[in-house]
Amino acid sequence: MEAAYRKAGFQFYYGTDADGKGFPVLIASYDADAKTVDAVRIKNLGTANGTTMNNDLAFEALAKFPSGVTPDYCFINRRSLEQLRKSRTNVTSATGVPTLPDSVAGIPIVITDSLVNTEA
């Protein structure tokens, strides 16, 4: 059981497919015993056109989960959070203050520095 969790954790951070080099790639960690998707990782995010975090990528990641399975949290680093904020239509409050996204489809966003910008 512990080995399965380690493998899932490894796949979560490093992916299971060939590197897309420059294009965001959705990677799903599949639990063969329970036949469910445990985690989804969006990798190869950057600052170049077409590689930034946006609502479309967030919802494509959610679509990888089977019906009835909802993740508890969405982990994101500060740069990707800012990119997500900019991708949304209303990026400021009524008073003109920039607003940070706090959820994706009702799933709470957790900001972490453990996901570094240089990670492929």
C-alpha atoms as a PDB file:
ATOM      1  CA  MET A   1       0.000   0.000   0.000  1.00  0.00           C
ATOM      2  CA  GLU A   2       2.790   2.412   0.910  1.00  0.00           C
ATOM      3  CA  ALA A   3       4.544   1.693  -2.395  1.00  0.00           C
ATOM      4  CA  ALA A   4       1.363   2.530  -4.292  1.00  0.00           C
ATOM      5  CA  TYR A   5       1.111   5.905  -2.541  1.00  0.00           C
ATOM      6  CA  ARG A   6       4.761   6.640  -3.258  1.00  0.00           C
ATOM      7  CA  LYS A   7       4.271   5.778  -6.928  1.00  0.00           C
ATOM      8  CA  ALA A   8       1.154   7.980  -7.105  1.00  0.00           C
ATOM      9  CA  GLY A   9       3.066  10.831  -5.438  1.00  0.00           C
ATOM     10  CA  PHE A  10       5.946  10.430  -7.873  1.00  0.00           C
ATOM     11  CA  GLN A  11       3.567  10.432 -10.838  1.00  0.00           C
ATOM     12  CA  PHE A  12       1.773  13.466  -9.424  1.00  0.00           C
ATOM     13  CA  TYR A  13       4.966  15.529  -9.454  1.00  0.00           C
ATOM     14  CA  TYR A  14       6.834  14.081 -12.430  1.00  0.00           C
ATOM     15  CA  GLY A  15       4.041  12.813 -14.701  1.00  0.00           C
ATOM     16  CA  THR A  16       3.570   9.502 -16.439  1.00  0.00           C
ATOM     17  CA  ASP A  17       3.995  10.474 -20.095  1.00  0.00           C
ATOM     18  CA  ALA A  18       6.702  11.910 -22.298  1.00  0.00           C
ATOM     19  CA  ASP A  19       7.470  15.541 -21.584  1.00  0.00           C
ATOM     20  CA  GLY A  20       5.408  17.961 -23.689  1.00  0.00           C
ATOM     21  CA  LYS A  21       8.224  20.602 -23.603  1.00  0.00           C
ATOM     22  CA  GLY A  22       6.500  23.942 -23.657  1.00  0.00           C
ATOM     23  CA  PHE A  23       2.858  22.858 -23.695  1.00  0.00           C
ATOM     24  CA  PRO A  24       0.755  22.267 -20.600  1.00  0.00           C
ATOM     25  CA  VAL A  25      -0.014  18.574 -20.269  1.00  0.00           C
ATOM     26  CA  LEU A  26      -2.685  17.045 -18.079  1.00  0.00           C
ATOM     27  CA  ILE A  27      -1.506  13.964 -16.214  1.00  0.00           C
ATOM     28  CA  ALA A  28      -3.885  11.746 -14.262  1.00  0.00           C
ATOM     29  CA  SER A  29      -2.785   9.412 -11.490  1.00  0.00           C
ATOM     30  CA  TYR A  30      -4.931   6.290 -11.850  1.00  0.00           C
ATOM     31  CA  ASP A  31      -5.676   3.904  -8.981  1.00  0.00           C
ATOM     32  CA  ALA A  32      -6.027   0.531 -10.718  1.00  0.00           C
ATOM     33  CA  ASP A  33      -7.492  -1.153  -7.634  1.00  0.00           C
ATOM     34  CA  ALA A  34     -10.261   1.365  -7.026  1.00  0.00           C
ATOM     35  CA  LYS A  35     -10.437   2.285 -10.732  1.00  0.00           C
ATOM     36  CA  THR A  36     -10.517   5.995  -9.950  1.00  0.00           C
ATOM     37  CA  VAL A  37      -8.412   9.050 -10.655  1.00  0.00           C
ATOM     38  CA  ASP A  38      -6.735  10.139  -7.401  1.00  0.00           C
ATOM     39  CA  ALA A  39      -4.957  13.292  -8.551  1.00  0.00           C
ATOM     40  CA  VAL A  40      -4.459  15.336 -11.694  1.00  0.00           C
ATOM     41  CA  ARG A  41      -1.394  17.437 -12.403  1.00  0.00           C
ATOM     42  CA  ILE A  42      -1.086  20.194 -14.976  1.00  0.00           C
ATOM     43  CA  LYS A  43       2.559  20.353 -15.993  1.00  0.00           C
ATOM     44  CA  ASN A  44       4.801  22.448 -18.241  1.00  0.00           C
ATOM     45  CA  LEU A  45       3.205  25.735 -17.235  1.00  0.00           C
ATOM     46  CA  GLY A  46       5.300  28.779 -18.037  1.00  0.00           C
ATOM     47  CA  THR A  47       5.120  32.387 -19.135  1.00  0.00           C
ATOM     48  CA  ALA A  48       5.175  31.878 -22.917  1.00  0.00           C
ATOM     49  CA  ASN A  49       2.001  32.294 -24.923  1.00  0.00           C
ATOM     50  CA  GLY A  50      -0.116  29.148 -24.641  1.00  0.00           C
ATOM     51  CA  THR A  51       1.652  27.790 -21.545  1.00  0.00           C
ATOM     52  CA  THR A  52       0.030  29.856 -18.801  1.00  0.00           C
ATOM     53  CA  MET A  53      -2.482  28.624 -16.232  1.00  0.00           C
ATOM     54  CA  ASN A  54      -6.080  29.445 -17.115  1.00  0.00           C
ATOM     55  CA  ASN A  55      -9.650  28.424 -16.411  1.00  0.00           C
ATOM     56  CA  ASP A  56      -9.739  26.097 -19.420  1.00  0.00           C
ATOM     57  CA  LEU A  57      -6.835  24.033 -18.058  1.00  0.00           C
ATOM     58  CA  ALA A  58      -8.369  23.966 -14.584  1.00  0.00           C
ATOM     59  CA  PHE A  59     -11.672  22.624 -15.884  1.00  0.00           C
ATOM     60  CA  GLU A  60      -9.947  20.134 -18.235  1.00  0.00           C
ATOM     61  CA  ALA A  61      -8.149  18.795 -15.158  1.00  0.00           C
ATOM     62  CA  LEU A  62     -11.437  18.469 -13.267  1.00  0.00           C
ATOM     63  CA  ALA A  63     -12.934  16.623 -16.232  1.00  0.00           C
ATOM     64  CA  LYS A  64     -10.317  13.860 -15.732  1.00  0.00           C
ATOM     65  CA  PHE A  65     -12.071  12.826 -12.508  1.00  0.00           C
ATOM     66  CA  PRO A  66     -14.881  10.297 -12.921  1.00  0.00           C
ATOM     67  CA  SER A  67     -18.478  11.219 -12.156  1.00  0.00           C
ATOM     68  CA  GLY A  68     -19.073  11.504  -8.426  1.00  0.00           C
ATOM     69  CA  VAL A  69     -15.371  11.998  -7.567  1.00  0.00           C
ATOM     70  CA  THR A  70     -14.359  15.509  -6.570  1.00  0.00           C
ATOM     71  CA  PRO A  71     -10.910  16.566  -5.369  1.00  0.00           C
ATOM     72  CA  ASP A  72     -10.639  18.166  -1.936  1.00  0.00           C
ATOM     73  CA  TYR A  73      -8.166  20.893  -2.913  1.00  0.00           C
ATOM     74  CA  CYS A  74      -6.497  22.556  -5.870  1.00  0.00           C
ATOM     75  CA  PHE A  75      -2.802  23.213  -5.088  1.00  0.00           C
ATOM     76  CA  ILE A  76      -1.218  26.062  -7.022  1.00  0.00           C
ATOM     77  CA  ASN A  77       1.886  28.251  -6.799  1.00  0.00           C
ATOM     78  CA  ARG A  78       1.834  32.042  -6.788  1.00  0.00           C
ATOM     79  CA  ARG A  79       2.739  32.567 -10.458  1.00  0.00           C
ATOM     80  CA  SER A  80       0.061  30.157 -11.657  1.00  0.00           C
ATOM     81  CA  LEU A  81      -2.471  31.747  -9.307  1.00  0.00           C
ATOM     82  CA  GLU A  82      -1.740  35.163 -10.839  1.00  0.00           C
ATOM     83  CA  GLN A  83      -2.065  33.687 -14.335  1.00  0.00           C
ATOM     84  CA  LEU A  84      -5.389  32.113 -13.359  1.00  0.00           C
ATOM     85  CA  ARG A  85      -6.551  35.450 -11.958  1.00  0.00           C
ATOM     86  CA  LYS A  86      -5.680  37.222 -15.208  1.00  0.00           C
ATOM     87  CA  SER A  87      -7.510  34.578 -17.258  1.00  0.00           C
ATOM     88  CA  ARG A  88     -10.780  35.277 -15.461  1.00  0.00           C
ATOM     89  CA  THR A  89     -13.188  37.934 -16.715  1.00  0.00           C
ATOM     90  CA  ASN A  90     -13.630  39.864 -13.466  1.00  0.00           C
ATOM     91  CA  VAL A  91     -10.145  40.379 -12.021  1.00  0.00           C
ATOM     92  CA  THR A  92     -10.988  43.288  -9.732  1.00  0.00           C
ATOM     93  CA  SER A  93     -13.581  43.853  -7.048  1.00  0.00           C
ATOM     94  CA  ALA A  94     -16.230  46.588  -7.243  1.00  0.00           C
ATOM     95  CA  THR A  95     -13.784  48.900  -5.455  1.00  0.00           C
ATOM     96  CA  GLY A  96     -11.059  48.260  -8.055  1.00  0.00           C
ATOM     97  CA  VAL A  97      -8.914  45.997  -5.848  1.00  0.00           C
ATOM     98  CA  PRO A  98      -7.454  42.950  -7.661  1.00  0.00           C
ATOM     99  CA  THR A  99      -9.116  39.756  -6.478  1.00  0.00           C
ATOM    100  CA  LEU A 100      -7.347  36.420  -6.193  1.00  0.00           C
ATOM    101  CA  PRO A 101      -9.210  33.264  -7.150  1.00  0.00           C
ATOM    102  CA  ASP A 102     -10.097  31.247  -4.051  1.00  0.00           C
ATOM    103  CA  SER A 103     -11.656  28.226  -5.761  1.00  0.00           C
ATOM    104  CA  VAL A 104     -12.078  26.313  -9.001  1.00  0.00           C
ATOM    105  CA  ALA A 105     -15.672  25.112  -9.417  1.00  0.00           C
ATOM    106  CA  GLY A 106     -16.109  25.355  -5.643  1.00  0.00           C
ATOM    107  CA  ILE A 107     -12.893  23.405  -4.888  1.00  0.00           C
ATOM    108  CA  PRO A 108     -10.686  25.484  -2.563  1.00  0.00           C
ATOM    109  CA  ILE A 109      -7.354  26.720  -3.931  1.00  0.00           C
ATOM    110  CA  VAL A 110      -4.349  26.215  -1.649  1.00  0.00           C
ATOM    111  CA  ILE A 111      -1.311  28.383  -2.428  1.00  0.00           C
ATOM    112  CA  THR A 112       1.963  26.510  -2.014  1.00  0.00           C
ATOM    113  CA  ASP A 113       5.611  27.326  -2.599  1.00  0.00           C
ATOM    114  CA  SER A 114       6.365  23.606  -2.917  1.00  0.00           C
ATOM    115  CA  LEU A 115       5.362  23.707  -6.582  1.00  0.00           C
ATOM    116  CA  VAL A 116       8.234  25.679  -8.094  1.00  0.00           C
ATOM    117  CA  ASN A 117       8.080  27.672 -11.336  1.00  0.00           C
ATOM    118  CA  THR A 118      11.023  25.774 -12.845  1.00  0.00           C
ATOM    119  CA  GLU A 119       9.338  22.378 -12.493  1.00  0.00           C
ATOM    120  CA  ALA A 120       8.630  20.853 -15.914  1.00  0.00           C
END
